[in-house]
C-alpha atoms as a PDB file:
ATOM      1  CA  MET A   1      23.585  41.339  31.533  1.00  0.00           C
ATOM      2  CA  SER A   2      22.903  38.792  28.836  1.00  0.00           C
ATOM      3  CA  GLN A   3      19.681  37.561  27.938  1.00  0.00           C
ATOM      4  CA  CYS A   4      18.419  34.202  29.168  1.00  0.00           C
ATOM      5  CA  PRO A   5      18.270  31.879  25.849  1.00  0.00           C
ATOM      6  CA  PHE A   6      15.079  30.418  27.316  1.00  0.00           C
ATOM      7  CA  SER A   7      13.320  33.479  27.756  1.00  0.00           C
ATOM      8  CA  ALA A   8      10.357  34.500  25.305  1.00  0.00           C
ATOM      9  CA  ASP A   9      11.923  37.805  24.254  1.00  0.00           C
ATOM     10  CA  TYR A  10      15.378  36.241  23.694  1.00  0.00           C
ATOM     11  CA  GLN A  11      16.950  37.627  20.493  1.00  0.00           C
ATOM     12  CA  PRO A  12      19.170  34.864  18.656  1.00  0.00           C
ATOM     13  CA  PRO A  13      22.605  35.736  17.094  1.00  0.00           C
ATOM     14  CA  GLU A  14      22.620  36.572  13.395  1.00  0.00           C
ATOM     15  CA  GLU A  15      23.756  32.962  12.387  1.00  0.00           C
ATOM     16  CA  TRP A  16      20.466  31.565  13.251  1.00  0.00           C
ATOM     17  CA  HIS A  17      19.118  33.361  10.013  1.00  0.00           C
ATOM     18  CA  ASN A  18      16.158  34.852  11.740  1.00  0.00           C
ATOM     19  CA  ALA A  19      14.611  31.538  12.311  1.00  0.00           C
ATOM     20  CA  GLU A  20      11.313  31.863  14.319  1.00  0.00           C
ATOM     21  CA  LEU A  21      11.936  30.517  17.877  1.00  0.00           C
ATOM     22  CA  ASN A  22       8.953  31.588  19.715  1.00  0.00           C
ATOM     23  CA  PHE A  23       5.745  29.505  19.320  1.00  0.00           C
ATOM     24  CA  SER A  24       3.659  30.440  22.254  1.00  0.00           C
ATOM     25  CA  GLU A  25       1.090  31.872  20.063  1.00  0.00           C
ATOM     26  CA  SER A  26       1.597  30.286  16.649  1.00  0.00           C
ATOM     27  CA  MET A  27       1.662  26.698  15.145  1.00  0.00           C
ATOM     28  CA  SER A  28       4.877  24.732  15.169  1.00  0.00           C
ATOM     29  CA  TYR A  29       6.108  21.842  13.178  1.00  0.00           C
ATOM     30  CA  GLY A  30       5.367  19.427  16.024  1.00  0.00           C
ATOM     31  CA  ASP A  31       1.777  21.008  16.508  1.00  0.00           C
ATOM     32  CA  TYR A  32       1.110  20.680  12.906  1.00  0.00           C
ATOM     33  CA  LEU A  33       2.284  16.907  12.571  1.00  0.00           C
ATOM     34  CA  ASP A  34       0.693  16.141  16.083  1.00  0.00           C
ATOM     35  CA  LEU A  35       3.857  14.548  17.063  1.00  0.00           C
ATOM     36  CA  GLY A  36       2.811  14.219  20.382  1.00  0.00           C
ATOM     37  CA  LYS A  37       0.433  11.473  19.601  1.00  0.00           C
ATOM     38  CA  VAL A  38       2.668   9.889  16.769  1.00  0.00           C
ATOM     39  CA  LEU A  39       5.846   9.592  18.802  1.00  0.00           C
ATOM     40  CA  SER A  40       3.938   8.289  21.955  1.00  0.00           C
ATOM     41  CA  ALA A  41       2.164   5.640  20.060  1.00  0.00           C
ATOM     42  CA  GLN A  42       5.002   3.116  20.577  1.00  0.00           C
ATOM     43  CA  HIS A  43       4.304   0.519  23.565  1.00  0.00           C
ATOM     44  CA  PRO A  44       6.644  -2.315  23.584  1.00  0.00           C
ATOM     45  CA  LEU A  45       5.468  -5.076  25.437  1.00  0.00           C
ATOM     46  CA  SER A  46       8.805  -7.112  26.111  1.00  0.00           C
ATOM     47  CA  PRO A  47      11.927  -5.972  27.860  1.00  0.00           C
ATOM     48  CA  ASP A  48      13.939  -6.414  24.728  1.00  0.00           C
ATOM     49  CA  HIS A  49      15.710  -3.443  23.150  1.00  0.00           C
ATOM     50  CA  ASN A  50      14.854  -4.481  19.544  1.00  0.00           C
ATOM     51  CA  GLU A  51      10.948  -4.425  19.804  1.00  0.00           C
ATOM     52  CA  MET A  52      11.097  -0.760  19.105  1.00  0.00           C
ATOM     53  CA  LEU A  53      12.633  -1.576  15.664  1.00  0.00           C
ATOM     54  CA  PHE A  54       9.708  -4.195  15.085  1.00  0.00           C
ATOM     55  CA  ILE A  55       6.847  -1.625  16.114  1.00  0.00           C
ATOM     56  CA  ILE A  56       8.149   1.184  14.330  1.00  0.00           C
ATOM     57  CA  GLN A  57       8.790  -0.508  11.024  1.00  0.00           C
ATOM     58  CA  HIS A  58       5.119  -1.758  10.977  1.00  0.00           C
ATOM     59  CA  GLN A  59       3.845   1.456  12.259  1.00  0.00           C
ATOM     60  CA  THR A  60       5.572   3.406   9.331  1.00  0.00           C
ATOM     61  CA  SER A  61       4.416   0.759   6.671  1.00  0.00           C
ATOM     62  CA  GLU A  62       0.778   1.304   8.016  1.00  0.00           C
ATOM     63  CA  LEU A  63       1.310   5.297   7.522  1.00  0.00           C
ATOM     64  CA  TRP A  64       2.661   4.928   4.033  1.00  0.00           C
ATOM     65  CA  MET A  65      -0.362   2.448   3.332  1.00  0.00           C
ATOM     66  CA  LYS A  66      -2.761   5.211   4.640  1.00  0.00           C
ATOM     67  CA  LEU A  67      -1.214   7.430   1.889  1.00  0.00           C
ATOM     68  CA  MET A  68      -1.593   4.541  -0.588  1.00  0.00           C
ATOM     69  CA  LEU A  69      -5.173   4.301  -0.007  1.00  0.00           C
ATOM     70  CA  HIS A  70      -5.782   7.995  -0.285  1.00  0.00           C
ATOM     71  CA  GLU A  71      -4.196   8.100  -3.584  1.00  0.00           C
ATOM     72  CA  LEU A  72      -5.802   4.760  -5.048  1.00  0.00           C
ATOM     73  CA  LYS A  73      -9.168   5.849  -3.904  1.00  0.00           C
ATOM     74  CA  ALA A  74      -8.730   9.373  -5.775  1.00  0.00           C
ATOM     75  CA  ALA A  75      -7.253   7.643  -8.945  1.00  0.00           C
ATOM     76  CA  ARG A  76     -10.085   5.082  -9.067  1.00  0.00           C
ATOM     77  CA  GLU A  77     -12.423   8.026  -9.162  1.00  0.00           C
ATOM     78  CA  HIS A  78     -10.650   9.773 -11.866  1.00  0.00           C
ATOM     79  CA  VAL A  79     -10.652   6.657 -13.868  1.00  0.00           C
ATOM     80  CA  ARG A  80     -14.093   6.012 -13.344  1.00  0.00           C
ATOM     81  CA  LEU A  81     -14.897   9.823 -14.655  1.00  0.00           C
ATOM     82  CA  GLY A  82     -12.259   9.389 -17.578  1.00  0.00           C
ATOM     83  CA  GLU A  83      -9.933  11.884 -16.030  1.00  0.00           C
ATOM     84  CA  LEU A  84      -6.837  10.036 -16.629  1.00  0.00           C
ATOM     85  CA  PRO A  85      -3.957  12.779 -16.320  1.00  0.00           C
ATOM     86  CA  PRO A  86      -4.608  13.143 -12.740  1.00  0.00           C
ATOM     87  CA  ALA A  87      -4.704   9.387 -12.094  1.00  0.00           C
ATOM     88  CA  PHE A  88      -1.485   8.910 -13.797  1.00  0.00           C
ATOM     89  CA  LYS A  89       0.385  11.228 -11.158  1.00  0.00           C
ATOM     90  CA  MET A  90      -1.583   9.294  -8.384  1.00  0.00           C
ATOM     91  CA  LEU A  91      -0.468   5.772  -9.739  1.00  0.00           C
ATOM     92  CA  ALA A  92       3.121   6.795  -9.943  1.00  0.00           C
ATOM     93  CA  ARG A  93       3.086   7.998  -6.422  1.00  0.00           C
ATOM     94  CA  VAL A  94       1.615   4.715  -5.146  1.00  0.00           C
ATOM     95  CA  SER A  95       4.348   2.990  -7.089  1.00  0.00           C
ATOM     96  CA  ARG A  96       7.129   4.985  -5.286  1.00  0.00           C
ATOM     97  CA  ILE A  97       5.713   4.323  -1.981  1.00  0.00           C
ATOM     98  CA  PHE A  98       5.974   0.619  -2.624  1.00  0.00           C
ATOM     99  CA  ASP A  99       9.715   1.521  -3.716  1.00  0.00           C
ATOM    100  CA  GLN A 100       9.946   3.225  -0.133  1.00  0.00           C
ATOM    101  CA  LEU A 101       8.363   0.219   1.510  1.00  0.00           C
ATOM    102  CA  VAL A 102      10.947  -2.220  -0.286  1.00  0.00           C
ATOM    103  CA  HIS A 103      13.892  -0.277   1.036  1.00  0.00           C
ATOM    104  CA  ALA A 104      12.360  -0.206   4.484  1.00  0.00           C
ATOM    105  CA  TRP A 105      12.882  -4.162   4.635  1.00  0.00           C
ATOM    106  CA  ALA A 106      16.436  -3.612   4.752  1.00  0.00           C
ATOM    107  CA  VAL A 107      16.105  -1.869   8.103  1.00  0.00           C
ATOM    108  CA  LEU A 108      13.898  -5.012   9.487  1.00  0.00           C
ATOM    109  CA  ALA A 109      16.634  -7.262   8.122  1.00  0.00           C
ATOM    110  CA  THR A 110      18.892  -5.905  10.894  1.00  0.00           C
ATOM    111  CA  MET A 111      16.842  -8.098  13.234  1.00  0.00           C
ATOM    112  CA  THR A 112      18.484 -11.529  13.879  1.00  0.00           C
ATOM    113  CA  PRO A 113      16.656 -14.661  14.637  1.00  0.00           C
ATOM    114  CA  SER A 114      17.719 -14.665  18.300  1.00  0.00           C
ATOM    115  CA  GLU A 115      16.658 -10.937  18.642  1.00  0.00           C
ATOM    116  CA  TYR A 116      13.194 -11.891  17.143  1.00  0.00           C
ATOM    117  CA  LYS A 117      12.790 -14.984  19.231  1.00  0.00           C
ATOM    118  CA  ALA A 118      13.013 -12.710  22.445  1.00  0.00           C
ATOM    119  CA  ILE A 119      10.018 -10.460  21.420  1.00  0.00           C
ATOM    120  CA  ARG A 120       7.951 -13.176  19.536  1.00  0.00           C
ATOM    121  CA  PRO A 121       6.054 -14.457  22.693  1.00  0.00           C
ATOM    122  CA  PHE A 122       4.805 -10.972  23.500  1.00  0.00           C
ATOM    123  CA  LEU A 123       3.250 -10.619  19.899  1.00  0.00           C
ATOM    124  CA  GLY A 124       0.461 -13.271  20.779  1.00  0.00           C
ATOM    125  CA  GLN A 125      -1.355 -13.956  17.348  1.00  0.00           C
ATOM    126  CA  SER A 126      -1.076 -10.554  15.883  1.00  0.00           C
ATOM    127  CA  SER A 127       0.189 -10.475  12.421  1.00  0.00           C
ATOM    128  CA  GLY A 128       0.596  -8.428   9.310  1.00  0.00           C
ATOM    129  CA  PHE A 129      -1.697 -10.674   7.678  1.00  0.00           C
ATOM    130  CA  GLN A 130      -4.487  -8.940   9.716  1.00  0.00           C
ATOM    131  CA  SER A 131      -3.607  -5.179   8.504  1.00  0.00           C
ATOM    132  CA  PHE A 132      -6.917  -3.981   7.422  1.00  0.00           C
ATOM    133  CA  GLN A 133      -5.419  -1.241   5.288  1.00  0.00           C
ATOM    134  CA  TYR A 134      -3.345  -3.873   3.277  1.00  0.00           C
ATOM    135  CA  ARG A 135      -6.472  -5.833   2.866  1.00  0.00           C
ATOM    136  CA  GLU A 136      -8.213  -2.640   1.640  1.00  0.00           C
ATOM    137  CA  ILE A 137      -5.315  -1.848  -0.902  1.00  0.00           C
ATOM    138  CA  GLU A 138      -5.633  -5.494  -2.258  1.00  0.00           C
ATOM    139  CA  PHE A 139      -9.497  -5.027  -2.708  1.00  0.00           C
ATOM    140  CA  ILE A 140      -8.961  -1.816  -4.425  1.00  0.00           C
ATOM    141  CA  LEU A 141      -6.493  -3.399  -6.841  1.00  0.00           C
ATOM    142  CA  GLY A 142      -8.834  -6.400  -7.478  1.00  0.00           C
ATOM    143  CA  ASN A 143      -7.489  -9.112  -5.284  1.00  0.00           C
ATOM    144  CA  LYS A 144     -10.473 -10.045  -3.603  1.00  0.00           C
ATOM    145  CA  SER A 145     -11.794 -12.915  -1.324  1.00  0.00           C
ATOM    146  CA  PRO A 146     -14.727 -12.541   1.006  1.00  0.00           C
ATOM    147  CA  ALA A 147     -13.369 -15.055   3.452  1.00  0.00           C
ATOM    148  CA  LEU A 148     -10.596 -12.391   4.217  1.00  0.00           C
ATOM    149  CA  LEU A 149     -13.232 -10.172   6.132  1.00  0.00           C
ATOM    150  CA  ARG A 150     -13.279 -12.504   8.942  1.00  0.00           C
ATOM    151  CA  PRO A 151     -10.170 -11.392  10.729  1.00  0.00           C
ATOM    152  CA  HIS A 152     -11.858  -8.032  11.143  1.00  0.00           C
ATOM    153  CA  ALA A 153     -15.327  -9.360  12.208  1.00  0.00           C
ATOM    154  CA  HIS A 154     -14.392  -8.084  15.874  1.00  0.00           C
ATOM    155  CA  ARG A 155     -14.016  -4.583  14.854  1.00  0.00           C
ATOM    156  CA  PRO A 156     -17.416  -3.840  13.234  1.00  0.00           C
ATOM    157  CA  GLU A 157     -16.462  -0.328  12.025  1.00  0.00           C
ATOM    158  CA  LEU A 158     -13.386  -1.792  10.127  1.00  0.00           C
ATOM    159  CA  LEU A 159     -15.439  -4.777   8.889  1.00  0.00           C
ATOM    160  CA  GLN A 160     -18.070  -2.348   7.383  1.00  0.00           C
ATOM    161  CA  GLU A 161     -15.366  -0.383   5.578  1.00  0.00           C
ATOM    162  CA  LEU A 162     -13.864  -3.553   3.959  1.00  0.00           C
ATOM    163  CA  GLN A 163     -17.294  -4.732   3.258  1.00  0.00           C
ATOM    164  CA  VAL A 164     -17.750  -1.542   1.178  1.00  0.00           C
ATOM    165  CA  ALA A 165     -14.293  -1.990  -0.367  1.00  0.00           C
ATOM    166  CA  ILE A 166     -14.961  -5.393  -1.558  1.00  0.00           C
ATOM    167  CA  ALA A 167     -18.293  -4.609  -3.157  1.00  0.00           C
ATOM    168  CA  THR A 168     -17.042  -1.549  -4.888  1.00  0.00           C
ATOM    169  CA  PRO A 169     -15.613  -2.008  -8.247  1.00  0.00           C
ATOM    170  CA  SER A 170     -11.843  -2.236  -8.356  1.00  0.00           C
ATOM    171  CA  LEU A 171      -9.367   0.388  -9.974  1.00  0.00           C
ATOM    172  CA  TYR A 172      -8.764  -2.278 -12.697  1.00  0.00           C
ATOM    173  CA  ASP A 173     -12.669  -2.910 -13.297  1.00  0.00           C
ATOM    174  CA  GLU A 174     -13.011   0.977 -13.709  1.00  0.00           C
ATOM    175  CA  ALA A 175     -10.217   0.908 -16.324  1.00  0.00           C
ATOM    176  CA  ILE A 176     -11.930  -1.892 -18.167  1.00  0.00           C
ATOM    177  CA  ASN A 177     -15.392  -0.228 -18.021  1.00  0.00           C
ATOM    178  CA  LEU A 178     -13.451   3.066 -19.531  1.00  0.00           C
ATOM    179  CA  MET A 179     -12.076   0.946 -22.291  1.00  0.00           C
ATOM    180  CA  ALA A 180     -15.569  -0.275 -23.411  1.00  0.00           C
ATOM    181  CA  LYS A 181     -16.895   3.283 -23.421  1.00  0.00           C
ATOM    182  CA  ALA A 182     -13.845   4.023 -25.747  1.00  0.00           C
ATOM    183  CA  GLY A 183     -15.261   1.689 -28.006  1.00  0.00           C
ATOM    184  CA  LEU A 184     -13.382  -1.386 -27.483  1.00  0.00           C
ATOM    185  CA  ALA A 185     -14.792  -4.698 -27.488  1.00  0.00           C
ATOM    186  CA  ILE A 186     -15.224  -5.893 -23.821  1.00  0.00           C
ATOM    187  CA  ASP A 187     -17.359  -8.901 -23.084  1.00  0.00           C
ATOM    188  CA  PRO A 188     -20.584  -7.508 -21.469  1.00  0.00           C
ATOM    189  CA  GLN A 189     -20.360 -10.518 -18.835  1.00  0.00           C
ATOM    190  CA  ARG A 190     -16.895  -9.187 -17.891  1.00  0.00           C
ATOM    191  CA  ALA A 191     -18.367  -5.480 -17.151  1.00  0.00           C
ATOM    192  CA  GLU A 192     -21.471  -7.150 -15.257  1.00  0.00           C
ATOM    193  CA  ARG A 193     -19.461  -9.649 -13.239  1.00  0.00           C
ATOM    194  CA  ASP A 194     -19.579  -9.886  -9.304  1.00  0.00           C
ATOM    195  CA  PRO A 195     -17.617  -6.864  -8.030  1.00  0.00           C
ATOM    196  CA  THR A 196     -16.816  -8.959  -4.784  1.00  0.00           C
ATOM    197  CA  ALA A 197     -14.903 -11.607  -7.028  1.00  0.00           C
ATOM    198  CA  ALA A 198     -11.213 -11.668  -7.613  1.00  0.00           C
ATOM    199  CA  THR A 199      -9.865 -10.538 -11.037  1.00  0.00           C
ATOM    200  CA  VAL A 200      -9.514 -13.399 -13.379  1.00  0.00           C
ATOM    201  CA  HIS A 201      -8.367 -13.530 -16.997  1.00  0.00           C
ATOM    202  CA  ASP A 202     -10.660 -12.444 -19.741  1.00  0.00           C
ATOM    203  CA  ASP A 203     -10.034 -12.915 -23.583  1.00  0.00           C
ATOM    204  CA  SER A 204     -11.778  -9.867 -24.379  1.00  0.00           C
ATOM    205  CA  VAL A 205      -9.906  -7.723 -22.050  1.00  0.00           C
ATOM    206  CA  GLU A 206      -6.716  -9.005 -23.405  1.00  0.00           C
ATOM    207  CA  ALA A 207      -7.731  -8.297 -26.847  1.00  0.00           C
ATOM    208  CA  ALA A 208      -8.541  -4.824 -25.972  1.00  0.00           C
ATOM    209  CA  TRP A 209      -5.317  -4.171 -24.436  1.00  0.00           C
ATOM    210  CA  ARG A 210      -3.650  -5.613 -27.512  1.00  0.00           C
ATOM    211  CA  GLU A 211      -5.381  -3.086 -29.659  1.00  0.00           C
ATOM    212  CA  VAL A 212      -4.416  -0.340 -27.220  1.00  0.00           C
ATOM    213  CA  TYR A 213      -0.793  -1.379 -27.560  1.00  0.00           C
ATOM    214  CA  ARG A 214      -0.767  -1.828 -31.402  1.00  0.00           C
ATOM    215  CA  ASP A 215      -2.126   1.590 -31.858  1.00  0.00           C
ATOM    216  CA  PRO A 216      -0.769   3.756 -28.902  1.00  0.00           C
ATOM    217  CA  SER A 217      -1.137   7.223 -30.535  1.00  0.00           C
ATOM    218  CA  ARG A 218      -5.088   6.328 -31.143  1.00  0.00           C
ATOM    219  CA  TYR A 219      -5.578   5.209 -27.388  1.00  0.00           C
ATOM    220  CA  TRP A 220      -2.673   7.254 -25.919  1.00  0.00           C
ATOM    221  CA  ASP A 221      -4.297   7.822 -22.335  1.00  0.00           C
ATOM    222  CA  LEU A 222      -5.164   4.203 -22.195  1.00  0.00           C
ATOM    223  CA  TYR A 223      -1.665   2.960 -23.200  1.00  0.00           C
ATOM    224  CA  GLN A 224      -0.396   5.219 -20.572  1.00  0.00           C
ATOM    225  CA  LEU A 225      -2.712   3.968 -17.983  1.00  0.00           C
ATOM    226  CA  ALA A 226      -1.671   0.462 -18.942  1.00  0.00           C
ATOM    227  CA  GLU A 227       1.891   1.316 -18.209  1.00  0.00           C
ATOM    228  CA  LYS A 228       1.135   2.933 -15.100  1.00  0.00           C
ATOM    229  CA  PHE A 229      -0.511  -0.365 -13.994  1.00  0.00           C
ATOM    230  CA  ILE A 230       2.532  -2.309 -14.981  1.00  0.00           C
ATOM    231  CA  ASP A 231       4.736   0.173 -12.895  1.00  0.00           C
ATOM    232  CA  LEU A 232       2.599  -0.195  -9.829  1.00  0.00           C
ATOM    233  CA  GLU A 233       2.389  -4.264  -9.945  1.00  0.00           C
ATOM    234  CA  ASP A 234       5.958  -4.324 -10.654  1.00  0.00           C
ATOM    235  CA  SER A 235       6.823  -2.408  -7.565  1.00  0.00           C
ATOM    236  CA  PHE A 236       4.095  -4.405  -5.587  1.00  0.00           C
ATOM    237  CA  ARG A 237       5.875  -7.562  -6.692  1.00  0.00           C
ATOM    238  CA  GLN A 238       9.212  -6.325  -5.604  1.00  0.00           C
ATOM    239  CA  TRP A 239       7.612  -5.393  -2.215  1.00  0.00           C
ATOM    240  CA  ARG A 240       6.230  -8.793  -1.879  1.00  0.00           C
ATOM    241  CA  PHE A 241       9.506 -10.639  -2.668  1.00  0.00           C
ATOM    242  CA  ARG A 242      11.501  -8.408  -0.196  1.00  0.00           C
ATOM    243  CA  HIS A 243       8.773  -9.255   2.401  1.00  0.00           C
ATOM    244  CA  VAL A 244       9.099 -12.999   2.021  1.00  0.00           C
ATOM    245  CA  THR A 245      12.965 -12.780   2.008  1.00  0.00           C
ATOM    246  CA  THR A 246      13.170 -10.843   5.199  1.00  0.00           C
ATOM    247  CA  VAL A 247      10.729 -13.266   6.970  1.00  0.00           C
ATOM    248  CA  GLU A 248      12.799 -16.247   5.751  1.00  0.00           C
ATOM    249  CA  ARG A 249      16.001 -14.471   6.884  1.00  0.00           C
ATOM    250  CA  ILE A 250      14.565 -13.946  10.537  1.00  0.00           C
ATOM    251  CA  ILE A 251      12.187 -16.878  11.339  1.00  0.00           C
ATOM    252  CA  GLY A 252      13.172 -19.386   8.384  1.00  0.00           C
ATOM    253  CA  PHE A 253      10.253 -21.753   7.833  1.00  0.00           C
ATOM    254  CA  GLN A 254       8.464 -21.466  11.222  1.00  0.00           C
ATOM    255  CA  PRO A 255       4.641 -20.734  11.180  1.00  0.00           C
ATOM    256  CA  GLY A 256       3.709 -17.122  11.215  1.00  0.00           C
ATOM    257  CA  THR A 257       2.502 -15.557  14.468  1.00  0.00           C
ATOM    258  CA  GLY A 258      -0.975 -15.043  12.740  1.00  0.00           C
ATOM    259  CA  GLY A 259      -1.334 -18.868  11.986  1.00  0.00           C
ATOM    260  CA  THR A 260      -0.201 -18.942   8.263  1.00  0.00           C
ATOM    261  CA  GLU A 261       2.746 -21.293   7.366  1.00  0.00           C
ATOM    262  CA  GLY A 262       4.950 -18.302   7.215  1.00  0.00           C
ATOM    263  CA  VAL A 263       7.296 -18.148   4.283  1.00  0.00           C
ATOM    264  CA  GLY A 264       5.303 -20.788   2.469  1.00  0.00           C
ATOM    265  CA  TYR A 265       2.222 -18.805   2.360  1.00  0.00           C
ATOM    266  CA  LEU A 266       4.117 -15.461   1.533  1.00  0.00           C
ATOM    267  CA  ARG A 267       5.741 -17.360  -1.588  1.00  0.00           C
ATOM    268  CA  LYS A 268       2.427 -18.441  -2.718  1.00  0.00           C
ATOM    269  CA  MET A 269       1.273 -14.813  -2.628  1.00  0.00           C
ATOM    270  CA  LEU A 270       3.973 -14.114  -5.216  1.00  0.00           C
ATOM    271  CA  ASP A 271       2.018 -15.965  -7.822  1.00  0.00           C
ATOM    272  CA  THR A 272      -0.880 -13.465  -7.371  1.00  0.00           C
ATOM    273  CA  VAL A 273      -1.381 -11.368 -10.677  1.00  0.00           C
ATOM    274  CA  LEU A 274      -3.237  -8.222 -10.166  1.00  0.00           C
ATOM    275  CA  PHE A 275      -3.566  -7.187 -13.980  1.00  0.00           C
ATOM    276  CA  PRO A 276      -3.501 -10.588 -15.827  1.00  0.00           C
ATOM    277  CA  GLU A 277      -4.281  -9.296 -19.242  1.00  0.00           C
ATOM    278  CA  LEU A 278      -1.655  -6.550 -19.293  1.00  0.00           C
ATOM    279  CA  TRP A 279       1.034  -9.286 -18.634  1.00  0.00           C
ATOM    280  CA  ARG A 280      -0.229 -11.742 -21.090  1.00  0.00           C
ATOM    281  CA  VAL A 281      -0.592  -9.394 -24.110  1.00  0.00           C
ATOM    282  CA  ARG A 282       3.169  -8.967 -23.964  1.00  0.00           C
ATOM    283  CA  SER A 283       3.406 -12.344 -25.420  1.00  0.00           C
ATOM    284  CA  THR A 284       1.250 -11.785 -28.072  1.00  0.00           C
ATOM    285  CA  LEU A 285       2.380  -8.181 -29.636  1.00  0.00           C
END
């Protein structure tokens, strides 16, 4: 009599390569990843088939952003301590995450205007503009605005987290502090500026980066850090551009669900520069 393939003592045929099949007393793949919670977190509000795509697109983006924050916070701390090699790896990983998110827009772009129109009434005023993780990423990268705390006032725990993020020196601030410690002439007012303010161009910072680029062998670690920043912003810009293109493809120039002007707002965001001196210095080398 053959064994039942569903019994605990069932012995698999050799072609299954001795894979473990009994997880009654050990941790399985699904257990480790807590897939029960992850895969049950999709709750479409409309009867339309395409809403599942919209939900999963944004949920997976938030998961990647969680990893970005994990890496960016650690990279900022390493830069603060002057431990640059570990920061290089972390920043390279964040750049590749942005690349992953760039390609993800191609999946959402399969949604047509008619398909989006069927689910839009069910979205209310919810919008990616309200993503607290995205806001924290921008704050860590130096694009700060206290007004952007307001969409999170109804969630005190998230508001508190963002208040800490906006008041903490950005990753770029820590890099500039590190250049000052290395003996590069940074204007003291730049080092002492309000940490809640957005990054703006500073002549002394541009001059410091120029010195780094003109003598990379002397400032090799700072030179590599500068290029990691450029890689990061390059990938971020591509993500933003793919975002605005996908939105225009699906809704044209209609207002966004969160109240912004939609594509018009996103196009303005394309002009945001995270590391202004690093881009300007290329014209003067």
